[in-house]
Amino acid sequence: MSYVLELLKILLPAGLVLYAMFLTMQSFLTKQFEQKLIEVKSKNIDLVLPIRLQAYERMCLFLERIAPNNLIRRVNNAEYNATELHSLLLSEVREEFNHNLSQQVYMSDEAWTQIKSAMEEIIVLINDSASNIPPDARGIELAKRIFEQLIEQNVDPTSRALKFIKDEIRVVF
């Protein structure tokens, strides 16, 4: 019995010291892990933030380029008839969109939805305008009809999306 008592006198303090060391090491390692995690997140922010900002800039440029007044001014040629201009306008919008499709990775879902919605509204506007004029009309007639519909609707599809993106940039950055 005295051997057991002597053994307990040695093992109990040793066990307490071992447990205290375990808790100390666990706390130390947890703090080290958290510190490394903060460093990694900081590096990610330093790398991703400029890319995200560039994505928002590119999408603002996309929206400006597909705005009807800019799109028509850039694409229109006096020699085009309405059918040719219609086809060219739709092609230009889709090409611009496909060129910037990868930017959605860096944007919020809501911002991307706003951008897609603006693009779809522009396509609908172009298609509606083209359906309201004869196919053999001059391209300038289609351009006039697009502008008339914009005035009738009193809403620029791209301005709503641009405002949303700018607001999101102000909040996030």
N, C-alpha and C. Protein backbone atom coordinates (compact mmCIF):
# COMPACT_ATOMS: atom_id res chain seq x y z
N MET A 1 0.81 -1.18 0.00
CA MET A 1 0.00 0.00 0.00
C MET A 1 0.86 1.25 0.00
N SER A 2 1.96 1.21 0.72
CA SER A 2 2.84 2.38 0.76
C SER A 2 3.48 2.62 -0.61
N TYR A 3 3.69 1.52 -1.38
CA TYR A 3 4.22 1.71 -2.74
C TYR A 3 3.23 2.45 -3.63
N VAL A 4 1.98 2.13 -3.48
CA VAL A 4 0.93 2.78 -4.27
C VAL A 4 0.84 4.25 -3.88
N LEU A 5 0.92 4.53 -2.58
CA LEU A 5 0.88 5.91 -2.11
C LEU A 5 2.07 6.70 -2.60
N GLU A 6 3.25 6.09 -2.55
CA GLU A 6 4.46 6.76 -3.04
C GLU A 6 4.37 6.99 -4.55
N LEU A 7 3.82 6.00 -5.26
CA LEU A 7 3.67 6.12 -6.71
C LEU A 7 2.68 7.24 -7.05
N LEU A 8 1.60 7.37 -6.29
CA LEU A 8 0.63 8.45 -6.50
C LEU A 8 1.24 9.80 -6.21
N LYS A 9 2.10 9.87 -5.19
CA LYS A 9 2.76 11.13 -4.86
C LYS A 9 3.64 11.61 -6.03
N ILE A 10 4.16 10.66 -6.79
CA ILE A 10 5.02 11.03 -7.92
C ILE A 10 4.18 11.27 -9.18
N LEU A 11 3.22 10.38 -9.42
CA LEU A 11 2.44 10.45 -10.66
C LEU A 11 1.43 11.60 -10.68
N LEU A 12 0.82 11.90 -9.58
CA LEU A 12 -0.18 12.97 -9.54
C LEU A 12 0.42 14.33 -9.88
N PRO A 13 1.50 14.77 -9.26
CA PRO A 13 2.10 16.06 -9.68
C PRO A 13 2.63 16.01 -11.11
N ALA A 14 3.19 14.87 -11.48
CA ALA A 14 3.70 14.74 -12.85
C ALA A 14 2.55 14.83 -13.85
N GLY A 15 1.44 14.22 -13.55
CA GLY A 15 0.26 14.28 -14.41
C GLY A 15 -0.28 15.69 -14.52
N LEU A 16 -0.32 16.41 -13.40
CA LEU A 16 -0.79 17.79 -13.40
C LEU A 16 0.13 18.69 -14.23
N VAL A 17 1.43 18.48 -14.07
CA VAL A 17 2.40 19.25 -14.86
C VAL A 17 2.23 18.93 -16.34
N LEU A 18 2.07 17.66 -16.68
CA LEU A 18 1.88 17.24 -18.07
C LEU A 18 0.60 17.83 -18.65
N TYR A 19 -0.48 17.82 -17.88
CA TYR A 19 -1.76 18.39 -18.34
C TYR A 19 -1.63 19.90 -18.55
N ALA A 20 -0.93 20.58 -17.64
CA ALA A 20 -0.72 22.02 -17.77
C ALA A 20 0.10 22.32 -19.02
N MET A 21 1.11 21.51 -19.30
CA MET A 21 1.92 21.69 -20.51
C MET A 21 1.07 21.46 -21.76
N PHE A 22 0.20 20.47 -21.71
CA PHE A 22 -0.69 20.18 -22.82
C PHE A 22 -1.59 21.38 -23.12
N LEU A 23 -2.20 21.95 -22.08
CA LEU A 23 -3.06 23.11 -22.26
C LEU A 23 -2.29 24.31 -22.79
N THR A 24 -1.08 24.51 -22.28
CA THR A 24 -0.24 25.62 -22.73
C THR A 24 0.12 25.44 -24.21
N MET A 25 0.53 24.26 -24.60
CA MET A 25 0.90 24.00 -26.00
C MET A 25 -0.31 24.11 -26.92
N GLN A 26 -1.45 23.63 -26.47
CA GLN A 26 -2.66 23.72 -27.27
C GLN A 26 -3.03 25.18 -27.51
N SER A 27 -2.98 25.97 -26.47
CA SER A 27 -3.27 27.40 -26.59
C SER A 27 -2.27 28.08 -27.53
N PHE A 28 -1.00 27.77 -27.38
CA PHE A 28 0.04 28.35 -28.23
C PHE A 28 -0.18 27.99 -29.70
N LEU A 29 -0.45 26.71 -29.96
CA LEU A 29 -0.65 26.26 -31.34
C LEU A 29 -1.92 26.86 -31.95
N THR A 30 -2.96 27.01 -31.16
CA THR A 30 -4.19 27.63 -31.64
C THR A 30 -3.93 29.08 -32.04
N LYS A 31 -3.21 29.80 -31.22
CA LYS A 31 -2.87 31.20 -31.53
C LYS A 31 -2.00 31.28 -32.78
N GLN A 32 -1.05 30.36 -32.92
CA GLN A 32 -0.20 30.35 -34.10
C GLN A 32 -1.02 30.08 -35.37
N PHE A 33 -1.95 29.12 -35.27
CA PHE A 33 -2.80 28.80 -36.41
C PHE A 33 -3.66 30.00 -36.80
N GLU A 34 -4.25 30.66 -35.83
CA GLU A 34 -5.07 31.84 -36.10
C GLU A 34 -4.25 32.96 -36.73
N GLN A 35 -3.02 33.13 -36.26
CA GLN A 35 -2.14 34.16 -36.81
C GLN A 35 -1.80 33.85 -38.27
N LYS A 36 -1.50 32.59 -38.57
CA LYS A 36 -1.21 32.20 -39.96
C LYS A 36 -2.43 32.38 -40.84
N LEU A 37 -3.61 32.07 -40.32
CA LEU A 37 -4.84 32.24 -41.06
C LEU A 37 -5.08 33.71 -41.39
N ILE A 38 -4.81 34.58 -40.44
CA ILE A 38 -4.95 36.02 -40.67
C ILE A 38 -3.96 36.48 -41.73
N GLU A 39 -2.74 35.98 -41.68
CA GLU A 39 -1.74 36.34 -42.69
C GLU A 39 -2.18 35.90 -44.08
N VAL A 40 -2.70 34.68 -44.19
CA VAL A 40 -3.16 34.17 -45.49
C VAL A 40 -4.31 35.01 -46.02
N LYS A 41 -5.26 35.32 -45.14
CA LYS A 41 -6.39 36.15 -45.56
C LYS A 41 -5.93 37.53 -46.00
N SER A 42 -4.97 38.07 -45.30
CA SER A 42 -4.44 39.38 -45.65
C SER A 42 -3.78 39.35 -47.02
N LYS A 43 -2.99 38.31 -47.27
CA LYS A 43 -2.36 38.18 -48.59
C LYS A 43 -3.41 38.00 -49.68
N ASN A 44 -4.45 37.22 -49.40
CA ASN A 44 -5.52 37.02 -50.37
C ASN A 44 -6.22 38.34 -50.69
N ILE A 45 -6.47 39.12 -49.66
CA ILE A 45 -7.12 40.40 -49.86
C ILE A 45 -6.23 41.30 -50.71
N ASP A 46 -4.94 41.30 -50.43
CA ASP A 46 -4.00 42.11 -51.20
C ASP A 46 -3.98 41.70 -52.67
N LEU A 47 -4.14 40.40 -52.93
CA LEU A 47 -4.12 39.91 -54.31
C LEU A 47 -5.47 40.04 -55.00
N VAL A 48 -6.54 39.69 -54.31
CA VAL A 48 -7.86 39.62 -54.92
C VAL A 48 -8.53 40.98 -55.03
N LEU A 49 -8.29 41.85 -54.11
CA LEU A 49 -8.96 43.15 -54.11
C LEU A 49 -8.74 43.93 -55.41
N PRO A 50 -7.52 44.06 -55.88
CA PRO A 50 -7.34 44.77 -57.16
C PRO A 50 -8.03 44.06 -58.33
N ILE A 51 -8.03 42.74 -58.31
CA ILE A 51 -8.69 41.99 -59.39
C ILE A 51 -10.19 42.21 -59.35
N ARG A 52 -10.76 42.19 -58.14
CA ARG A 52 -12.20 42.44 -58.01
C ARG A 52 -12.55 43.84 -58.47
N LEU A 53 -11.76 44.81 -58.08
CA LEU A 53 -12.01 46.18 -58.49
C LEU A 53 -11.91 46.31 -60.01
N GLN A 54 -10.95 45.63 -60.60
CA GLN A 54 -10.81 45.65 -62.05
C GLN A 54 -12.02 45.00 -62.72
N ALA A 55 -12.56 43.95 -62.12
CA ALA A 55 -13.75 43.30 -62.68
C ALA A 55 -14.94 44.27 -62.66
N TYR A 56 -15.10 44.99 -61.56
CA TYR A 56 -16.18 45.97 -61.50
C TYR A 56 -15.97 47.07 -62.54
N GLU A 57 -14.72 47.49 -62.72
CA GLU A 57 -14.43 48.52 -63.72
C GLU A 57 -14.77 48.01 -65.12
N ARG A 58 -14.38 46.78 -65.40
CA ARG A 58 -14.66 46.21 -66.73
C ARG A 58 -16.15 46.09 -66.98
N MET A 59 -16.90 45.75 -65.95
CA MET A 59 -18.34 45.62 -66.15
C MET A 59 -19.01 46.99 -66.31
N CYS A 60 -18.47 47.99 -65.66
CA CYS A 60 -18.97 49.36 -65.89
C CYS A 60 -18.70 49.76 -67.35
N LEU A 61 -17.52 49.44 -67.83
CA LEU A 61 -17.19 49.72 -69.22
C LEU A 61 -18.10 48.94 -70.16
N PHE A 62 -18.37 47.69 -69.84
CA PHE A 62 -19.29 46.87 -70.64
C PHE A 62 -20.65 47.54 -70.71
N LEU A 63 -21.18 47.96 -69.57
CA LEU A 63 -22.50 48.59 -69.56
C LEU A 63 -22.50 49.89 -70.35
N GLU A 64 -21.43 50.64 -70.25
CA GLU A 64 -21.34 51.88 -71.03
C GLU A 64 -21.27 51.58 -72.53
N ARG A 65 -20.56 50.52 -72.89
CA ARG A 65 -20.42 50.19 -74.31
C ARG A 65 -21.72 49.67 -74.91
N ILE A 66 -22.56 49.00 -74.12
CA ILE A 66 -23.81 48.48 -74.68
C ILE A 66 -24.98 49.43 -74.48
N ALA A 67 -24.76 50.56 -73.83
CA ALA A 67 -25.82 51.56 -73.72
C ALA A 67 -26.22 51.95 -75.14
N PRO A 68 -27.51 52.01 -75.41
CA PRO A 68 -27.96 52.23 -76.80
C PRO A 68 -27.31 53.43 -77.50
N ASN A 69 -27.18 54.54 -76.81
CA ASN A 69 -26.59 55.70 -77.49
C ASN A 69 -25.14 55.46 -77.87
N ASN A 70 -24.36 54.81 -77.01
CA ASN A 70 -22.96 54.52 -77.33
C ASN A 70 -22.84 53.40 -78.37
N LEU A 71 -23.68 52.40 -78.23
CA LEU A 71 -23.64 51.26 -79.13
C LEU A 71 -23.97 51.68 -80.56
N ILE A 72 -25.03 52.44 -80.71
CA ILE A 72 -25.45 52.86 -82.06
C ILE A 72 -24.41 53.80 -82.66
N ARG A 73 -23.90 54.71 -81.87
CA ARG A 73 -22.89 55.64 -82.37
C ARG A 73 -21.65 54.90 -82.85
N ARG A 74 -21.27 53.84 -82.14
CA ARG A 74 -20.06 53.10 -82.47
C ARG A 74 -20.26 52.19 -83.69
N VAL A 75 -21.45 51.61 -83.82
CA VAL A 75 -21.68 50.59 -84.83
C VAL A 75 -22.33 51.13 -86.10
N ASN A 76 -23.13 52.15 -85.97
CA ASN A 76 -23.95 52.62 -87.09
C ASN A 76 -23.11 53.10 -88.26
N ASN A 77 -23.62 52.78 -89.44
CA ASN A 77 -23.03 53.23 -90.69
C ASN A 77 -24.20 53.58 -91.60
N ALA A 78 -24.11 54.67 -92.31
CA ALA A 78 -25.23 55.14 -93.15
C ALA A 78 -25.58 54.13 -94.24
N GLU A 79 -24.69 53.25 -94.59
CA GLU A 79 -24.94 52.29 -95.66
C GLU A 79 -25.75 51.08 -95.20
N TYR A 80 -25.86 50.85 -93.90
CA TYR A 80 -26.58 49.68 -93.39
C TYR A 80 -28.08 49.86 -93.55
N ASN A 81 -28.74 48.74 -93.86
CA ASN A 81 -30.21 48.76 -93.77
C ASN A 81 -30.57 48.29 -92.36
N ALA A 82 -31.87 48.31 -92.04
CA ALA A 82 -32.32 48.01 -90.67
C ALA A 82 -31.95 46.59 -90.26
N THR A 83 -32.07 45.64 -91.17
CA THR A 83 -31.77 44.25 -90.85
C THR A 83 -30.29 44.08 -90.53
N GLU A 84 -29.44 44.70 -91.32
CA GLU A 84 -28.00 44.60 -91.07
C GLU A 84 -27.62 45.25 -89.75
N LEU A 85 -28.18 46.43 -89.50
CA LEU A 85 -27.87 47.13 -88.25
C LEU A 85 -28.39 46.34 -87.05
N HIS A 86 -29.58 45.79 -87.18
CA HIS A 86 -30.17 44.97 -86.11
C HIS A 86 -29.24 43.81 -85.78
N SER A 87 -28.82 43.10 -86.79
CA SER A 87 -27.92 41.96 -86.60
C SER A 87 -26.60 42.39 -85.98
N LEU A 88 -26.07 43.49 -86.47
CA LEU A 88 -24.78 43.99 -85.97
C LEU A 88 -24.89 44.44 -84.51
N LEU A 89 -25.98 45.10 -84.15
CA LEU A 89 -26.17 45.55 -82.76
C LEU A 89 -26.24 44.37 -81.81
N LEU A 90 -27.03 43.37 -82.19
CA LEU A 90 -27.15 42.17 -81.33
C LEU A 90 -25.81 41.44 -81.22
N SER A 91 -25.13 41.34 -82.32
CA SER A 91 -23.83 40.68 -82.32
C SER A 91 -22.84 41.42 -81.42
N GLU A 92 -22.84 42.73 -81.49
CA GLU A 92 -21.93 43.54 -80.69
C GLU A 92 -22.22 43.37 -79.19
N VAL A 93 -23.49 43.38 -78.81
CA VAL A 93 -23.86 43.21 -77.40
C VAL A 93 -23.43 41.84 -76.90
N ARG A 94 -23.72 40.83 -77.67
CA ARG A 94 -23.36 39.46 -77.25
C ARG A 94 -21.85 39.26 -77.20
N GLU A 95 -21.15 39.84 -78.15
CA GLU A 95 -19.69 39.73 -78.17
C GLU A 95 -19.08 40.42 -76.95
N GLU A 96 -19.57 41.61 -76.64
CA GLU A 96 -19.09 42.32 -75.45
C GLU A 96 -19.35 41.50 -74.19
N PHE A 97 -20.54 40.91 -74.11
CA PHE A 97 -20.90 40.12 -72.93
C PHE A 97 -20.00 38.89 -72.82
N ASN A 98 -19.81 38.18 -73.92
CA ASN A 98 -18.97 36.99 -73.90
C ASN A 98 -17.52 37.33 -73.55
N HIS A 99 -17.09 38.49 -73.97
CA HIS A 99 -15.72 38.91 -73.67
C HIS A 99 -15.52 39.15 -72.17
N ASN A 100 -16.59 39.53 -71.47
CA ASN A 100 -16.50 39.86 -70.04
C ASN A 100 -17.15 38.82 -69.14
N LEU A 101 -17.49 37.69 -69.69
CA LEU A 101 -18.22 36.66 -68.94
C LEU A 101 -17.48 36.18 -67.70
N SER A 102 -16.18 36.11 -67.76
CA SER A 102 -15.40 35.58 -66.62
C SER A 102 -15.40 36.52 -65.42
N GLN A 103 -15.80 37.75 -65.61
CA GLN A 103 -15.77 38.72 -64.51
C GLN A 103 -16.78 38.39 -63.41
N GLN A 104 -17.75 37.54 -63.73
CA GLN A 104 -18.77 37.20 -62.73
C GLN A 104 -18.18 36.52 -61.51
N VAL A 105 -17.01 35.91 -61.67
CA VAL A 105 -16.35 35.22 -60.56
C VAL A 105 -16.04 36.19 -59.44
N TYR A 106 -15.73 37.43 -59.78
CA TYR A 106 -15.27 38.41 -58.79
C TYR A 106 -16.39 39.32 -58.29
N MET A 107 -17.60 39.11 -58.75
CA MET A 107 -18.70 40.01 -58.41
C MET A 107 -19.74 39.29 -57.55
N SER A 108 -20.55 40.08 -56.89
CA SER A 108 -21.65 39.48 -56.12
C SER A 108 -22.70 38.95 -57.10
N ASP A 109 -23.48 38.00 -56.64
CA ASP A 109 -24.53 37.43 -57.50
C ASP A 109 -25.54 38.48 -57.91
N GLU A 110 -25.85 39.36 -56.99
CA GLU A 110 -26.84 40.40 -57.29
C GLU A 110 -26.31 41.37 -58.34
N ALA A 111 -25.04 41.73 -58.27
CA ALA A 111 -24.46 42.63 -59.27
C ALA A 111 -24.47 41.96 -60.64
N TRP A 112 -24.12 40.69 -60.67
CA TRP A 112 -24.11 39.98 -61.95
C TRP A 112 -25.52 39.88 -62.52
N THR A 113 -26.50 39.64 -61.66
CA THR A 113 -27.89 39.59 -62.11
C THR A 113 -28.32 40.93 -62.70
N GLN A 114 -27.92 42.01 -62.07
CA GLN A 114 -28.25 43.35 -62.59
C GLN A 114 -27.63 43.56 -63.97
N ILE A 115 -26.40 43.12 -64.14
CA ILE A 115 -25.71 43.29 -65.43
C ILE A 115 -26.40 42.46 -66.51
N LYS A 116 -26.70 41.21 -66.20
CA LYS A 116 -27.39 40.35 -67.18
C LYS A 116 -28.75 40.91 -67.52
N SER A 117 -29.45 41.40 -66.53
CA SER A 117 -30.77 41.98 -66.76
C SER A 117 -30.69 43.19 -67.69
N ALA A 118 -29.70 44.04 -67.47
CA ALA A 118 -29.52 45.22 -68.33
C ALA A 118 -29.24 44.79 -69.77
N MET A 119 -28.38 43.79 -69.92
CA MET A 119 -28.06 43.31 -71.26
C MET A 119 -29.30 42.74 -71.95
N GLU A 120 -30.07 41.95 -71.22
CA GLU A 120 -31.29 41.36 -71.79
C GLU A 120 -32.30 42.43 -72.15
N GLU A 121 -32.43 43.47 -71.33
CA GLU A 121 -33.35 44.56 -71.64
C GLU A 121 -32.92 45.29 -72.91
N ILE A 122 -31.64 45.43 -73.11
CA ILE A 122 -31.14 46.10 -74.32
C ILE A 122 -31.43 45.23 -75.55
N ILE A 123 -31.24 43.93 -75.42
CA ILE A 123 -31.53 43.03 -76.53
C ILE A 123 -33.02 43.08 -76.87
N VAL A 124 -33.86 43.07 -75.84
CA VAL A 124 -35.30 43.17 -76.06
C VAL A 124 -35.64 44.50 -76.73
N LEU A 125 -35.04 45.58 -76.28
CA LEU A 125 -35.27 46.90 -76.87
C LEU A 125 -34.89 46.91 -78.35
N ILE A 126 -33.75 46.34 -78.68
CA ILE A 126 -33.31 46.29 -80.08
C ILE A 126 -34.25 45.43 -80.90
N ASN A 127 -34.63 44.27 -80.37
CA ASN A 127 -35.53 43.38 -81.11
C ASN A 127 -36.91 44.01 -81.29
N ASP A 128 -37.46 44.63 -80.26
CA ASP A 128 -38.76 45.29 -80.37
C ASP A 128 -38.71 46.42 -81.39
N SER A 129 -37.65 47.20 -81.35
CA SER A 129 -37.52 48.31 -82.29
C SER A 129 -37.42 47.80 -83.72
N ALA A 130 -36.69 46.71 -83.91
CA ALA A 130 -36.54 46.14 -85.25
C ALA A 130 -37.85 45.56 -85.76
N SER A 131 -38.67 45.04 -84.87
CA SER A 131 -39.93 44.46 -85.30
C SER A 131 -40.96 45.53 -85.66
N ASN A 132 -40.73 46.77 -85.25
CA ASN A 132 -41.67 47.86 -85.52
C ASN A 132 -41.36 48.65 -86.78
N ILE A 133 -40.34 48.24 -87.51
CA ILE A 133 -40.02 48.92 -88.76
C ILE A 133 -39.85 47.89 -89.86
N PRO A 134 -40.04 48.28 -91.11
CA PRO A 134 -39.87 47.32 -92.20
C PRO A 134 -38.40 46.88 -92.32
N PRO A 135 -38.17 45.62 -92.69
CA PRO A 135 -36.80 45.10 -92.77
C PRO A 135 -35.93 45.82 -93.80
N ASP A 136 -36.54 46.37 -94.83
CA ASP A 136 -35.76 47.04 -95.87
C ASP A 136 -35.53 48.52 -95.58
N ALA A 137 -35.97 48.99 -94.42
CA ALA A 137 -35.76 50.39 -94.04
C ALA A 137 -34.27 50.63 -93.83
N ARG A 138 -33.91 51.88 -93.84
CA ARG A 138 -32.51 52.24 -93.61
C ARG A 138 -32.16 52.02 -92.14
N GLY A 139 -30.90 51.84 -91.88
CA GLY A 139 -30.42 51.62 -90.51
C GLY A 139 -30.73 52.78 -89.60
N ILE A 140 -30.71 53.97 -90.15
CA ILE A 140 -30.99 55.16 -89.33
C ILE A 140 -32.40 55.13 -88.77
N GLU A 141 -33.32 54.49 -89.50
CA GLU A 141 -34.70 54.35 -89.01
C GLU A 141 -34.75 53.45 -87.77
N LEU A 142 -33.96 52.40 -87.79
CA LEU A 142 -33.89 51.52 -86.62
C LEU A 142 -33.28 52.28 -85.44
N ALA A 143 -32.24 53.03 -85.70
CA ALA A 143 -31.61 53.80 -84.62
C ALA A 143 -32.62 54.79 -84.03
N LYS A 144 -33.36 55.46 -84.88
CA LYS A 144 -34.38 56.41 -84.40
C LYS A 144 -35.42 55.70 -83.56
N ARG A 145 -35.85 54.53 -84.02
CA ARG A 145 -36.88 53.78 -83.29
C ARG A 145 -36.36 53.33 -81.92
N ILE A 146 -35.11 52.93 -81.86
CA ILE A 146 -34.52 52.53 -80.56
C ILE A 146 -34.53 53.71 -79.60
N PHE A 147 -34.13 54.88 -80.09
CA PHE A 147 -34.12 56.07 -79.23
C PHE A 147 -35.54 56.48 -78.83
N GLU A 148 -36.50 56.34 -79.74
CA GLU A 148 -37.89 56.66 -79.42
C GLU A 148 -38.41 55.75 -78.31
N GLN A 149 -38.09 54.46 -78.41
CA GLN A 149 -38.54 53.53 -77.37
C GLN A 149 -37.88 53.83 -76.03
N LEU A 150 -36.62 54.22 -76.07
CA LEU A 150 -35.94 54.61 -74.83
C LEU A 150 -36.64 55.80 -74.18
N ILE A 151 -37.02 56.76 -74.99
CA ILE A 151 -37.71 57.95 -74.48
C ILE A 151 -39.08 57.58 -73.95
N GLU A 152 -39.79 56.70 -74.67
CA GLU A 152 -41.12 56.26 -74.23
C GLU A 152 -41.04 55.53 -72.89
N GLN A 153 -40.06 54.66 -72.75
CA GLN A 153 -39.91 53.88 -71.52
C GLN A 153 -39.38 54.74 -70.38
N ASN A 154 -38.68 55.78 -70.71
CA ASN A 154 -38.12 56.72 -69.74
C ASN A 154 -37.20 56.02 -68.74
N VAL A 155 -36.60 54.91 -69.16
CA VAL A 155 -35.66 54.17 -68.31
C VAL A 155 -34.52 53.68 -69.19
N ASP A 156 -33.32 53.98 -68.76
CA ASP A 156 -32.13 53.46 -69.44
C ASP A 156 -31.71 52.19 -68.70
N PRO A 157 -31.78 51.03 -69.36
CA PRO A 157 -31.48 49.77 -68.67
C PRO A 157 -30.07 49.73 -68.07
N THR A 158 -29.12 50.34 -68.73
CA THR A 158 -27.76 50.27 -68.22
C THR A 158 -27.53 51.18 -67.02
N SER A 159 -28.26 52.28 -66.94
CA SER A 159 -28.03 53.22 -65.83
C SER A 159 -28.40 52.59 -64.49
N ARG A 160 -29.44 51.79 -64.47
CA ARG A 160 -29.85 51.12 -63.22
C ARG A 160 -28.75 50.15 -62.76
N ALA A 161 -28.22 49.37 -63.70
CA ALA A 161 -27.15 48.42 -63.35
C ALA A 161 -25.87 49.16 -62.95
N LEU A 162 -25.56 50.23 -63.66
CA LEU A 162 -24.37 51.02 -63.32
C LEU A 162 -24.47 51.60 -61.92
N LYS A 163 -25.64 52.11 -61.59
CA LYS A 163 -25.84 52.67 -60.25
C LYS A 163 -25.65 51.60 -59.20
N PHE A 164 -26.20 50.41 -59.44
CA PHE A 164 -26.05 49.32 -58.48
C PHE A 164 -24.59 48.96 -58.29
N ILE A 165 -23.86 48.84 -59.39
CA ILE A 165 -22.44 48.47 -59.30
C ILE A 165 -21.64 49.54 -58.57
N LYS A 166 -21.89 50.80 -58.88
CA LYS A 166 -21.17 51.88 -58.20
C LYS A 166 -21.47 51.88 -56.71
N ASP A 167 -22.72 51.65 -56.36
CA ASP A 167 -23.09 51.59 -54.93
C ASP A 167 -22.38 50.42 -54.24
N GLU A 168 -22.33 49.30 -54.90
CA GLU A 168 -21.67 48.13 -54.32
C GLU A 168 -20.17 48.37 -54.17
N ILE A 169 -19.56 49.03 -55.12
CA ILE A 169 -18.15 49.35 -55.03
C ILE A 169 -17.90 50.26 -53.82
N ARG A 170 -18.76 51.23 -53.63
CA ARG A 170 -18.59 52.14 -52.49
C ARG A 170 -18.71 51.42 -51.17
N VAL A 171 -19.59 50.43 -51.10
CA VAL A 171 -19.79 49.69 -49.85
C VAL A 171 -18.64 48.72 -49.61
N VAL A 172 -18.27 47.98 -50.63
CA VAL A 172 -17.26 46.92 -50.49
C VAL A 172 -15.85 47.48 -50.39
N PHE A 173 -15.56 48.51 -51.18
CA PHE A 173 -14.21 49.02 -51.23
C PHE A 173 -14.12 50.33 -50.49
